[in-house]
C-alpha atoms as a PDB file:
ATOM      1  CA  UNK A   1      -3.915   3.092  -8.197  1.00  0.00           C
ATOM      2  CA  UNK A   2      -1.058   4.283  -5.960  1.00  0.00           C
ATOM      3  CA  UNK A   3      -3.266   6.988  -4.468  1.00  0.00           C
ATOM      4  CA  UNK A   4      -5.933   4.435  -3.564  1.00  0.00           C
ATOM      5  CA  UNK A   5      -3.314   2.103  -2.052  1.00  0.00           C
ATOM      6  CA  UNK A   6      -1.796   4.956  -0.013  1.00  0.00           C
ATOM      7  CA  UNK A   7      -5.267   5.937   1.251  1.00  0.00           C
ATOM      8  CA  UNK A   8      -5.900   2.344   2.340  1.00  0.00           C
ATOM      9  CA  UNK A   9      -2.603   2.281   4.226  1.00  0.00           C
ATOM     10  CA  UNK A  10      -3.383   5.636   5.820  1.00  0.00           C
ATOM     11  CA  UNK A  11      -6.869   4.553   6.900  1.00  0.00           C
ATOM     12  CA  UNK A  12      -5.596   1.202   8.206  1.00  0.00           C
ATOM     13  CA  UNK A  13      -2.822   2.998  10.122  1.00  0.00           C
ATOM     14  CA  UNK A  14      -5.219   5.459  11.723  1.00  0.00           C
ATOM     15  CA  UNK A  15      -7.645   2.688  12.691  1.00  0.00           C
ATOM     16  CA  UNK A  16      -4.755   0.593  14.018  1.00  0.00           C
ATOM     17  CA  UNK A  17      -3.427   3.497  16.078  1.00  0.00           C
ATOM     18  CA  UNK A  18      -6.867   4.184  17.520  1.00  0.00           C
ATOM     19  CA  UNK A  19      -7.318   0.517  18.430  1.00  0.00           C
ATOM     20  CA  UNK A  20      -3.923   0.435  20.135  1.00  0.00           C
ATOM     21  CA  UNK A  21      -4.848   3.530  22.138  1.00  0.00           C
ATOM     22  CA  UNK A  22      -8.243   2.130  23.113  1.00  0.00           C
ATOM     23  CA  UNK A  23      -6.656  -1.198  24.094  1.00  0.00           C
ATOM     24  CA  UNK A  24      -4.087   0.587  26.281  1.00  0.00           C
ATOM     25  CA  UNK A  25      -6.784   2.637  28.022  1.00  0.00           C
ATOM     26  CA  UNK A  26      -8.996  -0.414  28.546  1.00  0.00           C
ATOM     27  CA  UNK A  27      -6.084  -2.472  29.871  1.00  0.00           C
ATOM     28  CA  UNK A  28      -5.282   0.192  32.433  1.00  0.00           C
ATOM     29  CA  UNK A  29      -8.915   0.981  33.307  1.00  0.00           C
ATOM     30  CA  UNK A  30     -10.119  -2.606  33.716  1.00  0.00           C
ATOM     31  CA  UNK A  31      -7.005  -4.499  34.800  1.00  0.00           C
ATOM     32  CA  UNK A  32      -4.725  -1.766  36.148  1.00  0.00           C
ATOM     33  CA  UNK A  33      -1.890  -2.909  33.872  1.00  0.00           C
ATOM     34  CA  UNK A  34       0.345  -0.947  31.530  1.00  0.00           C
ATOM     35  CA  UNK A  35       0.187  -2.271  27.970  1.00  0.00           C
ATOM     36  CA  UNK A  36       3.818  -3.232  27.567  1.00  0.00           C
ATOM     37  CA  UNK A  37       4.299  -6.427  25.599  1.00  0.00           C
ATOM     38  CA  UNK A  38       7.495  -7.465  27.385  1.00  0.00           C
ATOM     39  CA  UNK A  39       5.828  -7.047  30.779  1.00  0.00           C
ATOM     40  CA  UNK A  40       2.713  -8.892  29.661  1.00  0.00           C
ATOM     41  CA  UNK A  41       4.804 -11.781  28.367  1.00  0.00           C
ATOM     42  CA  UNK A  42       7.660 -12.053  30.871  1.00  0.00           C
ATOM     43  CA  UNK A  43       5.903 -11.100  34.101  1.00  0.00           C
ATOM     44  CA  UNK A  44       3.292 -13.726  33.282  1.00  0.00           C
ATOM     45  CA  UNK A  45       5.969 -16.353  32.826  1.00  0.00           C
ATOM     46  CA  UNK A  46       7.567 -15.373  36.118  1.00  0.00           C
ATOM     47  CA  UNK A  47       4.300 -15.459  38.073  1.00  0.00           C
ATOM     48  CA  UNK A  48       2.961 -18.740  36.720  1.00  0.00           C
ATOM     49  CA  UNK A  49      -0.391 -17.740  38.191  1.00  0.00           C
ATOM     50  CA  UNK A  50      -3.055 -19.306  35.995  1.00  0.00           C
ATOM     51  CA  UNK A  51      -5.791 -16.811  36.889  1.00  0.00           C
ATOM     52  CA  UNK A  52      -3.488 -13.966  35.874  1.00  0.00           C
ATOM     53  CA  UNK A  53      -2.242 -15.666  32.706  1.00  0.00           C
ATOM     54  CA  UNK A  54      -5.548 -15.982  30.822  1.00  0.00           C
ATOM     55  CA  UNK A  55      -5.769 -12.320  29.832  1.00  0.00           C
ATOM     56  CA  UNK A  56      -2.069 -12.408  28.889  1.00  0.00           C
ATOM     57  CA  UNK A  57      -2.706 -15.357  26.577  1.00  0.00           C
ATOM     58  CA  UNK A  58      -5.657 -13.608  24.891  1.00  0.00           C
ATOM     59  CA  UNK A  59      -3.698 -10.364  24.508  1.00  0.00           C
ATOM     60  CA  UNK A  60      -0.717 -12.104  22.914  1.00  0.00           C
ATOM     61  CA  UNK A  61      -3.001 -14.216  20.696  1.00  0.00           C
ATOM     62  CA  UNK A  62      -4.634 -10.987  19.511  1.00  0.00           C
ATOM     63  CA  UNK A  63      -1.217  -9.678  18.458  1.00  0.00           C
ATOM     64  CA  UNK A  64      -0.879 -12.652  16.152  1.00  0.00           C
ATOM     65  CA  UNK A  65      -4.487 -13.016  14.994  1.00  0.00           C
ATOM     66  CA  UNK A  66      -5.191  -9.288  14.513  1.00  0.00           C
ATOM     67  CA  UNK A  67      -2.840  -8.775  11.559  1.00  0.00           C
ATOM     68  CA  UNK A  68      -4.105 -11.966   9.935  1.00  0.00           C
ATOM     69  CA  UNK A  69      -7.672 -10.669  10.157  1.00  0.00           C
ATOM     70  CA  UNK A  70      -6.606  -7.259   8.835  1.00  0.00           C
ATOM     71  CA  UNK A  71      -4.791  -8.927   5.941  1.00  0.00           C
ATOM     72  CA  UNK A  72      -7.777 -11.081   4.995  1.00  0.00           C
ATOM     73  CA  UNK A  73     -10.517  -8.482   5.568  1.00  0.00           C
ATOM     74  CA  UNK A  74      -8.782  -5.419   4.085  1.00  0.00           C
ATOM     75  CA  UNK A  75      -6.508  -7.298   1.673  1.00  0.00           C
ATOM     76  CA  UNK A  76      -3.446  -5.536   3.091  1.00  0.00           C
ATOM     77  CA  UNK A  77      -0.054  -6.825   2.057  1.00  0.00           C
ATOM     78  CA  UNK A  78       2.033  -8.739   4.560  1.00  0.00           C
ATOM     79  CA  UNK A  79       5.547  -7.260   4.808  1.00  0.00           C
ATOM     80  CA  UNK A  80       8.275  -9.474   3.429  1.00  0.00           C
ATOM     81  CA  UNK A  81      10.722 -11.087   5.814  1.00  0.00           C
ATOM     82  CA  UNK A  82      14.249  -9.768   5.925  1.00  0.00           C
ATOM     83  CA  UNK A  83      16.737 -11.485   3.668  1.00  0.00           C
ATOM     84  CA  UNK A  84      19.549 -11.079   6.219  1.00  0.00           C
ATOM     85  CA  UNK A  85      19.247 -14.669   7.435  1.00  0.00           C
ATOM     86  CA  UNK A  86      18.311 -16.458  10.656  1.00  0.00           C
ATOM     87  CA  UNK A  87      21.566 -15.684  12.499  1.00  0.00           C
ATOM     88  CA  UNK A  88      20.962 -11.939  12.168  1.00  0.00           C
ATOM     89  CA  UNK A  89      17.358 -12.419  13.332  1.00  0.00           C
ATOM     90  CA  UNK A  90      18.491 -14.375  16.406  1.00  0.00           C
ATOM     91  CA  UNK A  91      21.207 -11.858  17.285  1.00  0.00           C
ATOM     92  CA  UNK A  92      18.774  -8.963  16.760  1.00  0.00           C
ATOM     93  CA  UNK A  93      16.177 -10.649  18.979  1.00  0.00           C
ATOM     94  CA  UNK A  94      18.725 -11.173  21.758  1.00  0.00           C
ATOM     95  CA  UNK A  95      19.863  -7.553  21.541  1.00  0.00           C
ATOM     96  CA  UNK A  96      16.269  -6.300  21.657  1.00  0.00           C
ATOM     97  CA  UNK A  97      15.566  -8.560  24.629  1.00  0.00           C
ATOM     98  CA  UNK A  98      18.641  -7.274  26.439  1.00  0.00           C
ATOM     99  CA  UNK A  99      17.690  -3.668  25.680  1.00  0.00           C
ATOM    100  CA  UNK A 100      14.177  -4.302  26.957  1.00  0.00           C
ATOM    101  CA  UNK A 101      15.618  -5.608  30.216  1.00  0.00           C
ATOM    102  CA  UNK A 102      18.078  -2.727  30.602  1.00  0.00           C
ATOM    103  CA  UNK A 103      15.432  -0.153  29.650  1.00  0.00           C
ATOM    104  CA  UNK A 104      12.892  -1.633  32.091  1.00  0.00           C
ATOM    105  CA  UNK A 105      10.338  -2.053  29.342  1.00  0.00           C
ATOM    106  CA  UNK A 106       9.696  -2.109  25.629  1.00  0.00           C
ATOM    107  CA  UNK A 107       8.600   0.375  23.011  1.00  0.00           C
ATOM    108  CA  UNK A 108       4.925  -0.369  23.598  1.00  0.00           C
ATOM    109  CA  UNK A 109       5.101   0.183  27.353  1.00  0.00           C
ATOM    110  CA  UNK A 110       7.305   3.256  27.183  1.00  0.00           C
ATOM    111  CA  UNK A 111       6.259   4.620  23.787  1.00  0.00           C
ATOM    112  CA  UNK A 112       2.509   4.244  24.062  1.00  0.00           C
ATOM    113  CA  UNK A 113       1.675   4.208  27.748  1.00  0.00           C
ATOM    114  CA  UNK A 114       4.664   5.975  29.283  1.00  0.00           C
ATOM    115  CA  UNK A 115       4.694   8.974  26.961  1.00  0.00           C
ATOM    116  CA  UNK A 116       0.921   9.364  27.275  1.00  0.00           C
ATOM    117  CA  UNK A 117       1.423   9.559  31.076  1.00  0.00           C
ATOM    118  CA  UNK A 118       4.112  12.229  30.467  1.00  0.00           C
ATOM    119  CA  UNK A 119       6.825  10.044  32.022  1.00  0.00           C
ATOM    120  CA  UNK A 120      10.223  11.590  31.285  1.00  0.00           C
ATOM    121  CA  UNK A 121      11.805   8.155  31.796  1.00  0.00           C
ATOM    122  CA  UNK A 122       9.587   6.790  29.021  1.00  0.00           C
ATOM    123  CA  UNK A 123      10.258   9.755  26.722  1.00  0.00           C
ATOM    124  CA  UNK A 124      14.008   9.212  27.187  1.00  0.00           C
ATOM    125  CA  UNK A 125      13.721   5.445  26.701  1.00  0.00           C
ATOM    126  CA  UNK A 126      11.624   5.854  23.536  1.00  0.00           C
ATOM    127  CA  UNK A 127      14.071   8.382  22.083  1.00  0.00           C
ATOM    128  CA  UNK A 128      16.905   5.931  22.782  1.00  0.00           C
ATOM    129  CA  UNK A 129      14.965   3.028  21.226  1.00  0.00           C
ATOM    130  CA  UNK A 130      14.303   5.039  18.098  1.00  0.00           C
ATOM    131  CA  UNK A 131      17.842   6.444  17.784  1.00  0.00           C
ATOM    132  CA  UNK A 132      19.322   2.971  18.244  1.00  0.00           C
ATOM    133  CA  UNK A 133      16.908   1.541  15.675  1.00  0.00           C
ATOM    134  CA  UNK A 134      17.800   4.219  13.122  1.00  0.00           C
ATOM    135  CA  UNK A 135      21.530   3.672  13.710  1.00  0.00           C
ATOM    136  CA  UNK A 136      21.164  -0.108  13.465  1.00  0.00           C
ATOM    137  CA  UNK A 137      19.273   0.059  10.176  1.00  0.00           C
ATOM    138  CA  UNK A 138      21.870   2.439   8.768  1.00  0.00           C
ATOM    139  CA  UNK A 139      24.776   0.240   9.860  1.00  0.00           C
ATOM    140  CA  UNK A 140      23.193  -3.026   8.667  1.00  0.00           C
ATOM    141  CA  UNK A 141      22.076  -1.605   5.304  1.00  0.00           C
ATOM    142  CA  UNK A 142      25.035   0.640   4.458  1.00  0.00           C
ATOM    143  CA  UNK A 143      28.088  -0.760   6.223  1.00  0.00           C
ATOM    144  CA  UNK A 144      27.581  -4.556   6.276  1.00  0.00           C
END
């Protein structure tokens, strides 16, 4: 049973990765935009241009609806929420938001689109995101 479950996760991960790659290519080819979630969300809020916001709304809705469809169609488990509490979630969200601002983008923009364009700035940013994430998980799980 574990082997079957692991194969399902592997297949779902490969399909998910391919869909992310195709979406990033299509976004750049058809709209000329980099697929960075923070830019899609926050630049849209700053512009308040309704003709430019429709695709942003559909993209963000897809981020929410896509996993729900995958869960219901492929019967994939939904990860459990952290038991660290709402204060930790709020603080973590603020830190991630600050890091996104300082890093001039998020993991999707730098990690998916930037690295694929061979941007050294994006490679550096992604390495920093990952190293900080690893350190944070270690500190939260083993020190606090």
